[in-house]
Amino acid sequence: AVDSFSSAWVSSSSSGDPFKEWKRAILDTGAERSDESGSSVADVYTGADMGGTAVGAPPLPAGAAQHSQKMQALYRTRRKQAYALLVKNISCKDIKFHLRTNFFQQGEQAWQYLCSIRDMEPQRSDVRAHDAVACYVRAGGNGS
């Protein structure tokens, strides 16, 4: 089981070890979920699944053949599963709302977003940006 995205992450001033541990746990859990294409949910996060965005990712087969349609359906399913795994393991309602609004069922994009907000270093001169980032990274129910 993966521990939920927790408030312990915010207590560290550095781009935190707890977040890195959570990322590893999500990737490990996602690696356990693979399909007939040979791709896993963890591959979706890295873009390395069949049809993924990473350099060297195997392409989706083209055409209308039954095999091609099946691989395309698996591609869509992996993205939904990747999104669900993330949302299931985040307790902050604000983050969930943002993911649902902007990246619904798009696991790779949701993953990239989470990594980007956690790795952001707010500028001291921009208190509003700092508050917005802190709200998104804060966990524990309603994000307040």
N, C-alpha and C. Protein backbone atom coordinates (compact mmCIF):
# COMPACT_ATOMS: atom_id res chain seq x y z
N ALA A 1 0.84 -1.19 0.00
CA ALA A 1 0.00 0.00 0.00
C ALA A 1 0.88 1.24 0.00
N VAL A 2 0.36 2.29 -0.59
CA VAL A 2 1.08 3.56 -0.68
C VAL A 2 0.50 4.50 0.36
N ASP A 3 1.37 5.14 1.15
CA ASP A 3 0.89 6.15 2.08
C ASP A 3 0.40 7.34 1.29
N SER A 4 -0.68 7.96 1.74
CA SER A 4 -1.23 9.12 1.04
C SER A 4 -0.27 10.29 1.05
N PHE A 5 -0.42 11.12 0.04
CA PHE A 5 0.28 12.39 -0.09
C PHE A 5 0.01 13.11 1.22
N SER A 6 1.02 13.32 2.08
CA SER A 6 0.73 13.78 3.44
C SER A 6 1.38 15.10 3.78
N SER A 7 0.91 15.68 4.87
CA SER A 7 1.41 16.98 5.31
C SER A 7 2.87 16.92 5.73
N ALA A 8 3.40 15.74 5.97
CA ALA A 8 4.82 15.61 6.33
C ALA A 8 5.71 16.14 5.21
N TRP A 9 5.22 16.11 4.01
CA TRP A 9 6.03 16.58 2.88
C TRP A 9 6.31 18.06 2.97
N VAL A 10 5.36 18.80 3.51
CA VAL A 10 5.49 20.24 3.56
C VAL A 10 6.43 20.66 4.68
N SER A 11 6.59 19.82 5.71
CA SER A 11 7.40 20.20 6.86
C SER A 11 8.88 20.30 6.51
N SER A 12 9.30 19.65 5.46
CA SER A 12 10.70 19.72 5.05
C SER A 12 10.91 20.93 4.16
N SER A 13 11.99 21.69 4.40
CA SER A 13 12.24 22.87 3.57
C SER A 13 12.87 22.49 2.24
N SER A 14 13.46 21.32 2.15
CA SER A 14 14.05 20.90 0.88
C SER A 14 13.00 20.17 0.05
N SER A 15 13.30 19.97 -1.21
CA SER A 15 12.39 19.24 -2.09
C SER A 15 12.44 17.79 -1.68
N GLY A 16 11.62 17.40 -0.86
CA GLY A 16 11.63 16.42 0.16
C GLY A 16 11.78 14.96 -0.06
N ASP A 17 12.44 14.38 0.90
CA ASP A 17 12.57 12.93 0.94
C ASP A 17 11.22 12.24 1.05
N PRO A 18 10.26 12.73 1.85
CA PRO A 18 8.97 12.06 1.90
C PRO A 18 8.28 12.00 0.53
N PHE A 19 8.38 13.08 -0.25
CA PHE A 19 7.79 13.08 -1.59
C PHE A 19 8.49 12.07 -2.48
N LYS A 20 9.81 12.02 -2.40
CA LYS A 20 10.56 11.04 -3.20
C LYS A 20 10.18 9.62 -2.82
N GLU A 21 9.99 9.38 -1.53
CA GLU A 21 9.56 8.05 -1.08
C GLU A 21 8.18 7.72 -1.62
N TRP A 22 7.27 8.70 -1.60
CA TRP A 22 5.92 8.50 -2.13
C TRP A 22 5.98 8.19 -3.63
N LYS A 23 6.81 8.95 -4.35
CA LYS A 23 6.96 8.70 -5.79
C LYS A 23 7.44 7.28 -6.05
N ARG A 24 8.45 6.85 -5.29
CA ARG A 24 8.96 5.48 -5.46
C ARG A 24 7.88 4.45 -5.18
N ALA A 25 7.09 4.68 -4.13
CA ALA A 25 6.01 3.74 -3.79
C ALA A 25 4.95 3.70 -4.89
N ILE A 26 4.62 4.85 -5.45
CA ILE A 26 3.65 4.89 -6.55
C ILE A 26 4.21 4.14 -7.75
N LEU A 27 5.47 4.39 -8.09
CA LEU A 27 6.09 3.70 -9.23
C LEU A 27 6.15 2.19 -8.99
N ASP A 28 6.50 1.78 -7.77
CA ASP A 28 6.54 0.35 -7.46
C ASP A 28 5.16 -0.28 -7.59
N THR A 29 4.14 0.40 -7.07
CA THR A 29 2.78 -0.12 -7.16
C THR A 29 2.34 -0.17 -8.62
N GLY A 30 2.65 0.87 -9.37
CA GLY A 30 2.29 0.91 -10.79
C GLY A 30 3.00 -0.15 -11.60
N ALA A 31 4.20 -0.52 -11.19
CA ALA A 31 4.97 -1.54 -11.91
C ALA A 31 4.32 -2.91 -11.78
N GLU A 32 3.51 -3.10 -10.74
CA GLU A 32 2.82 -4.37 -10.54
C GLU A 32 1.62 -4.54 -11.47
N ARG A 33 1.21 -3.46 -12.11
CA ARG A 33 0.01 -3.47 -12.95
C ARG A 33 0.41 -3.33 -14.42
N SER A 34 0.55 -4.46 -15.08
CA SER A 34 0.90 -4.43 -16.51
C SER A 34 -0.20 -5.10 -17.32
N ASP A 35 -0.15 -4.91 -18.63
CA ASP A 35 -1.18 -5.47 -19.50
C ASP A 35 -0.53 -6.27 -20.64
N GLU A 36 -1.35 -6.70 -21.58
CA GLU A 36 -0.90 -7.55 -22.68
C GLU A 36 0.11 -6.87 -23.60
N SER A 37 0.17 -5.55 -23.58
CA SER A 37 1.13 -4.83 -24.42
C SER A 37 2.54 -4.91 -23.83
N GLY A 38 2.63 -5.35 -22.57
CA GLY A 38 3.91 -5.37 -21.88
C GLY A 38 4.19 -4.08 -21.13
N SER A 39 3.27 -3.16 -21.19
CA SER A 39 3.41 -1.86 -20.52
C SER A 39 2.74 -1.90 -19.15
N SER A 40 3.28 -1.09 -18.25
CA SER A 40 2.71 -1.01 -16.91
C SER A 40 2.20 0.40 -16.64
N VAL A 41 1.49 0.55 -15.53
CA VAL A 41 1.05 1.87 -15.09
C VAL A 41 2.26 2.75 -14.78
N ALA A 42 3.31 2.18 -14.21
CA ALA A 42 4.53 2.94 -13.94
C ALA A 42 5.14 3.46 -15.24
N ASP A 43 5.05 2.67 -16.30
CA ASP A 43 5.55 3.12 -17.61
C ASP A 43 4.80 4.35 -18.09
N VAL A 44 3.53 4.47 -17.75
CA VAL A 44 2.74 5.64 -18.14
C VAL A 44 3.37 6.89 -17.52
N TYR A 45 3.75 6.83 -16.24
CA TYR A 45 4.32 7.99 -15.57
C TYR A 45 5.62 8.44 -16.22
N THR A 46 6.39 7.50 -16.72
CA THR A 46 7.68 7.84 -17.33
C THR A 46 7.55 8.06 -18.83
N GLY A 47 6.37 7.80 -19.40
CA GLY A 47 6.16 7.95 -20.83
C GLY A 47 6.70 6.80 -21.64
N ALA A 48 7.10 5.71 -20.98
CA ALA A 48 7.76 4.59 -21.66
C ALA A 48 6.81 3.48 -22.07
N ASP A 49 5.52 3.65 -21.85
CA ASP A 49 4.57 2.61 -22.24
C ASP A 49 4.33 2.65 -23.75
N MET A 50 3.69 1.61 -24.27
CA MET A 50 3.38 1.57 -25.70
C MET A 50 2.50 2.76 -26.04
N GLY A 51 2.98 3.59 -26.96
CA GLY A 51 2.26 4.81 -27.32
C GLY A 51 2.64 6.00 -26.47
N GLY A 52 3.56 5.81 -25.53
CA GLY A 52 3.97 6.87 -24.62
C GLY A 52 4.81 7.94 -25.29
N THR A 53 5.10 9.00 -24.53
CA THR A 53 5.78 10.18 -25.06
C THR A 53 7.30 10.14 -24.97
N ALA A 54 7.86 9.18 -24.24
CA ALA A 54 9.32 9.13 -24.07
C ALA A 54 10.00 8.66 -25.36
N VAL A 55 11.20 9.16 -25.56
CA VAL A 55 12.00 8.71 -26.68
C VAL A 55 12.24 7.21 -26.51
N GLY A 56 11.99 6.45 -27.56
CA GLY A 56 12.19 5.01 -27.51
C GLY A 56 10.98 4.21 -27.06
N ALA A 57 9.91 4.90 -26.66
CA ALA A 57 8.69 4.17 -26.28
C ALA A 57 8.14 3.46 -27.52
N PRO A 58 7.71 2.21 -27.37
CA PRO A 58 7.17 1.52 -28.54
C PRO A 58 5.91 2.22 -29.05
N PRO A 59 5.80 2.37 -30.37
CA PRO A 59 4.62 3.03 -30.92
C PRO A 59 3.39 2.14 -30.86
N LEU A 60 2.23 2.78 -30.83
CA LEU A 60 0.98 2.04 -30.95
C LEU A 60 0.86 1.53 -32.39
N PRO A 61 0.40 0.30 -32.57
CA PRO A 61 0.20 -0.18 -33.94
C PRO A 61 -0.90 0.62 -34.63
N ALA A 62 -0.69 0.93 -35.89
CA ALA A 62 -1.67 1.71 -36.66
C ALA A 62 -2.66 0.78 -37.33
N GLY A 63 -3.74 1.37 -37.76
CA GLY A 63 -4.70 0.61 -38.54
C GLY A 63 -5.94 0.24 -37.75
N ALA A 64 -6.82 -0.48 -38.45
CA ALA A 64 -8.11 -0.85 -37.88
C ALA A 64 -8.17 -2.32 -37.49
N ALA A 65 -7.05 -3.01 -37.57
CA ALA A 65 -7.04 -4.44 -37.22
C ALA A 65 -7.40 -4.62 -35.75
N GLN A 66 -7.90 -5.80 -35.44
CA GLN A 66 -8.34 -6.09 -34.08
C GLN A 66 -7.20 -5.90 -33.08
N HIS A 67 -5.99 -6.33 -33.43
CA HIS A 67 -4.84 -6.18 -32.52
C HIS A 67 -4.56 -4.70 -32.26
N SER A 68 -4.60 -3.89 -33.31
CA SER A 68 -4.35 -2.47 -33.18
C SER A 68 -5.38 -1.81 -32.28
N GLN A 69 -6.64 -2.14 -32.48
CA GLN A 69 -7.71 -1.58 -31.65
C GLN A 69 -7.55 -1.98 -30.20
N LYS A 70 -7.14 -3.22 -29.98
CA LYS A 70 -6.94 -3.70 -28.61
C LYS A 70 -5.80 -2.94 -27.92
N MET A 71 -4.69 -2.73 -28.64
CA MET A 71 -3.55 -2.01 -28.06
C MET A 71 -3.93 -0.56 -27.76
N GLN A 72 -4.73 0.04 -28.61
CA GLN A 72 -5.19 1.41 -28.37
C GLN A 72 -6.12 1.48 -27.16
N ALA A 73 -6.96 0.47 -27.00
CA ALA A 73 -7.83 0.42 -25.82
C ALA A 73 -7.01 0.23 -24.55
N LEU A 74 -5.98 -0.61 -24.61
CA LEU A 74 -5.10 -0.80 -23.45
C LEU A 74 -4.37 0.49 -23.10
N TYR A 75 -3.96 1.24 -24.11
CA TYR A 75 -3.30 2.53 -23.93
C TYR A 75 -4.21 3.47 -23.13
N ARG A 76 -5.46 3.58 -23.54
CA ARG A 76 -6.41 4.46 -22.84
C ARG A 76 -6.66 3.96 -21.41
N THR A 77 -6.77 2.65 -21.25
CA THR A 77 -7.01 2.07 -19.93
C THR A 77 -5.85 2.35 -18.98
N ARG A 78 -4.61 2.21 -19.48
CA ARG A 78 -3.44 2.49 -18.63
C ARG A 78 -3.45 3.93 -18.12
N ARG A 79 -3.83 4.86 -18.95
CA ARG A 79 -3.87 6.26 -18.54
C ARG A 79 -4.90 6.48 -17.43
N LYS A 80 -6.04 5.84 -17.57
CA LYS A 80 -7.07 5.94 -16.54
C LYS A 80 -6.62 5.29 -15.24
N GLN A 81 -5.97 4.13 -15.35
CA GLN A 81 -5.49 3.45 -14.15
C GLN A 81 -4.39 4.26 -13.46
N ALA A 82 -3.52 4.88 -14.24
CA ALA A 82 -2.45 5.69 -13.67
C ALA A 82 -3.03 6.89 -12.92
N TYR A 83 -4.03 7.52 -13.51
CA TYR A 83 -4.70 8.64 -12.86
C TYR A 83 -5.36 8.17 -11.56
N ALA A 84 -6.07 7.06 -11.62
CA ALA A 84 -6.77 6.54 -10.45
C ALA A 84 -5.81 6.21 -9.31
N LEU A 85 -4.66 5.63 -9.64
CA LEU A 85 -3.67 5.30 -8.61
C LEU A 85 -3.19 6.57 -7.91
N LEU A 86 -2.97 7.62 -8.65
CA LEU A 86 -2.53 8.88 -8.04
C LEU A 86 -3.61 9.46 -7.13
N VAL A 87 -4.81 9.61 -7.67
CA VAL A 87 -5.90 10.24 -6.91
C VAL A 87 -6.24 9.44 -5.66
N LYS A 88 -6.16 8.13 -5.78
CA LYS A 88 -6.45 7.26 -4.62
C LYS A 88 -5.45 7.49 -3.48
N ASN A 89 -4.25 7.93 -3.81
CA ASN A 89 -3.20 8.08 -2.82
C ASN A 89 -2.85 9.52 -2.51
N ILE A 90 -3.80 10.42 -2.73
CA ILE A 90 -3.65 11.83 -2.37
C ILE A 90 -4.83 12.19 -1.47
N SER A 91 -4.54 12.76 -0.32
CA SER A 91 -5.62 13.10 0.60
C SER A 91 -6.08 14.55 0.49
N CYS A 92 -5.28 15.41 -0.13
CA CYS A 92 -5.62 16.84 -0.22
C CYS A 92 -6.72 17.07 -1.25
N LYS A 93 -7.84 17.59 -0.79
CA LYS A 93 -8.97 17.85 -1.69
C LYS A 93 -8.64 18.88 -2.76
N ASP A 94 -7.79 19.87 -2.42
CA ASP A 94 -7.43 20.90 -3.40
C ASP A 94 -6.63 20.30 -4.56
N ILE A 95 -5.71 19.43 -4.24
CA ILE A 95 -4.92 18.79 -5.30
C ILE A 95 -5.82 17.90 -6.14
N LYS A 96 -6.66 17.13 -5.47
CA LYS A 96 -7.58 16.26 -6.22
C LYS A 96 -8.48 17.07 -7.14
N PHE A 97 -8.98 18.19 -6.66
CA PHE A 97 -9.83 19.04 -7.48
C PHE A 97 -9.07 19.54 -8.71
N HIS A 98 -7.84 20.00 -8.49
CA HIS A 98 -7.02 20.50 -9.59
C HIS A 98 -6.75 19.39 -10.61
N LEU A 99 -6.40 18.21 -10.13
CA LEU A 99 -6.15 17.09 -11.04
C LEU A 99 -7.41 16.74 -11.81
N ARG A 100 -8.52 16.66 -11.12
CA ARG A 100 -9.80 16.32 -11.75
C ARG A 100 -10.19 17.35 -12.81
N THR A 101 -9.95 18.62 -12.51
CA THR A 101 -10.32 19.70 -13.41
C THR A 101 -9.41 19.76 -14.65
N ASN A 102 -8.12 19.53 -14.44
CA ASN A 102 -7.16 19.75 -15.52
C ASN A 102 -6.58 18.49 -16.17
N PHE A 103 -6.59 17.37 -15.45
CA PHE A 103 -5.92 16.18 -15.96
C PHE A 103 -6.75 14.91 -15.78
N PHE A 104 -8.06 15.03 -15.80
CA PHE A 104 -8.93 13.90 -15.51
C PHE A 104 -8.60 12.71 -16.40
N GLN A 105 -8.30 11.60 -15.77
CA GLN A 105 -7.97 10.32 -16.41
C GLN A 105 -6.76 10.38 -17.32
N GLN A 106 -5.91 11.38 -17.13
CA GLN A 106 -4.67 11.51 -17.89
C GLN A 106 -3.49 11.33 -16.93
N GLY A 107 -3.15 10.06 -16.68
CA GLY A 107 -2.16 9.73 -15.67
C GLY A 107 -0.80 10.36 -15.85
N GLU A 108 -0.29 10.38 -17.09
CA GLU A 108 1.04 10.93 -17.30
C GLU A 108 1.08 12.43 -17.02
N GLN A 109 0.09 13.16 -17.49
CA GLN A 109 0.06 14.60 -17.26
C GLN A 109 -0.17 14.92 -15.78
N ALA A 110 -1.00 14.16 -15.10
CA ALA A 110 -1.23 14.36 -13.67
C ALA A 110 0.06 14.13 -12.89
N TRP A 111 0.80 13.09 -13.25
CA TRP A 111 2.09 12.78 -12.62
C TRP A 111 3.06 13.94 -12.82
N GLN A 112 3.17 14.43 -14.05
CA GLN A 112 4.09 15.53 -14.35
C GLN A 112 3.73 16.77 -13.54
N TYR A 113 2.43 17.03 -13.42
CA TYR A 113 1.98 18.17 -12.63
C TYR A 113 2.40 18.02 -11.16
N LEU A 114 2.13 16.86 -10.58
CA LEU A 114 2.48 16.64 -9.16
C LEU A 114 3.97 16.81 -8.94
N CYS A 115 4.77 16.27 -9.83
CA CYS A 115 6.22 16.42 -9.70
C CYS A 115 6.64 17.88 -9.82
N SER A 116 5.98 18.62 -10.70
CA SER A 116 6.36 20.02 -10.89
C SER A 116 6.01 20.88 -9.69
N ILE A 117 4.85 20.68 -9.07
CA ILE A 117 4.50 21.52 -7.93
C ILE A 117 5.33 21.16 -6.71
N ARG A 118 5.72 19.92 -6.59
CA ARG A 118 6.53 19.54 -5.43
C ARG A 118 7.96 20.02 -5.57
N ASP A 119 8.42 20.13 -6.80
CA ASP A 119 9.80 20.56 -7.03
C ASP A 119 9.95 22.07 -7.17
N MET A 120 8.84 22.81 -7.10
CA MET A 120 8.90 24.26 -7.24
C MET A 120 9.51 24.91 -6.01
N GLU A 121 10.31 25.91 -6.25
CA GLU A 121 10.84 26.72 -5.17
C GLU A 121 10.21 28.11 -5.30
N PRO A 122 9.23 28.44 -4.46
CA PRO A 122 8.59 29.76 -4.58
C PRO A 122 9.58 30.89 -4.32
N GLN A 123 9.42 31.98 -5.05
CA GLN A 123 10.26 33.16 -4.87
C GLN A 123 9.78 33.94 -3.65
N ARG A 124 10.71 34.43 -2.86
CA ARG A 124 10.35 35.20 -1.67
C ARG A 124 9.55 36.45 -2.04
N SER A 125 9.83 36.99 -3.22
CA SER A 125 9.16 38.22 -3.62
C SER A 125 7.71 37.99 -4.04
N ASP A 126 7.32 36.74 -4.21
CA ASP A 126 5.96 36.48 -4.67
C ASP A 126 5.22 35.63 -3.65
N VAL A 127 4.69 36.31 -2.64
CA VAL A 127 4.01 35.62 -1.53
C VAL A 127 2.79 34.86 -2.04
N ARG A 128 2.06 35.43 -2.97
CA ARG A 128 0.87 34.75 -3.49
C ARG A 128 1.24 33.43 -4.14
N ALA A 129 2.28 33.41 -4.94
CA ALA A 129 2.70 32.16 -5.59
C ALA A 129 3.08 31.14 -4.53
N HIS A 130 3.78 31.60 -3.48
CA HIS A 130 4.17 30.69 -2.40
C HIS A 130 2.94 30.10 -1.73
N ASP A 131 1.96 30.95 -1.45
CA ASP A 131 0.74 30.47 -0.80
C ASP A 131 0.00 29.48 -1.69
N ALA A 132 -0.05 29.75 -2.98
CA ALA A 132 -0.74 28.85 -3.91
C ALA A 132 -0.04 27.49 -3.96
N VAL A 133 1.27 27.51 -4.04
CA VAL A 133 2.02 26.25 -4.08
C VAL A 133 1.85 25.50 -2.76
N ALA A 134 1.94 26.22 -1.66
CA ALA A 134 1.79 25.58 -0.35
C ALA A 134 0.42 24.93 -0.21
N CYS A 135 -0.59 25.60 -0.73
CA CYS A 135 -1.94 25.04 -0.66
C CYS A 135 -2.01 23.74 -1.46
N TYR A 136 -1.38 23.70 -2.61
CA TYR A 136 -1.45 22.51 -3.45
C TYR A 136 -0.65 21.34 -2.88
N VAL A 137 0.44 21.66 -2.19
CA VAL A 137 1.25 20.58 -1.67
C VAL A 137 0.80 20.11 -0.30
N ARG A 138 0.03 20.95 0.36
CA ARG A 138 -0.46 20.61 1.68
C ARG A 138 -1.50 19.49 1.57
N ALA A 139 -1.47 18.60 2.48
CA ALA A 139 -2.45 17.51 2.48
C ALA A 139 -3.19 17.50 3.80
N GLY A 140 -4.16 16.63 3.88
CA GLY A 140 -4.86 16.48 5.14
C GLY A 140 -6.32 16.86 5.04
N GLY A 141 -6.95 16.47 3.98
CA GLY A 141 -8.38 16.70 3.88
C GLY A 141 -8.71 17.84 2.97
N ASN A 142 -8.91 19.03 3.51
CA ASN A 142 -9.43 20.12 2.69
C ASN A 142 -8.36 21.08 2.23
N GLY A 143 -7.08 20.85 2.54
CA GLY A 143 -6.01 21.70 2.08
C GLY A 143 -5.92 23.04 2.79
N SER A 144 -6.64 23.19 3.87
CA SER A 144 -6.57 24.47 4.59
C SER A 144 -5.84 24.32 5.89
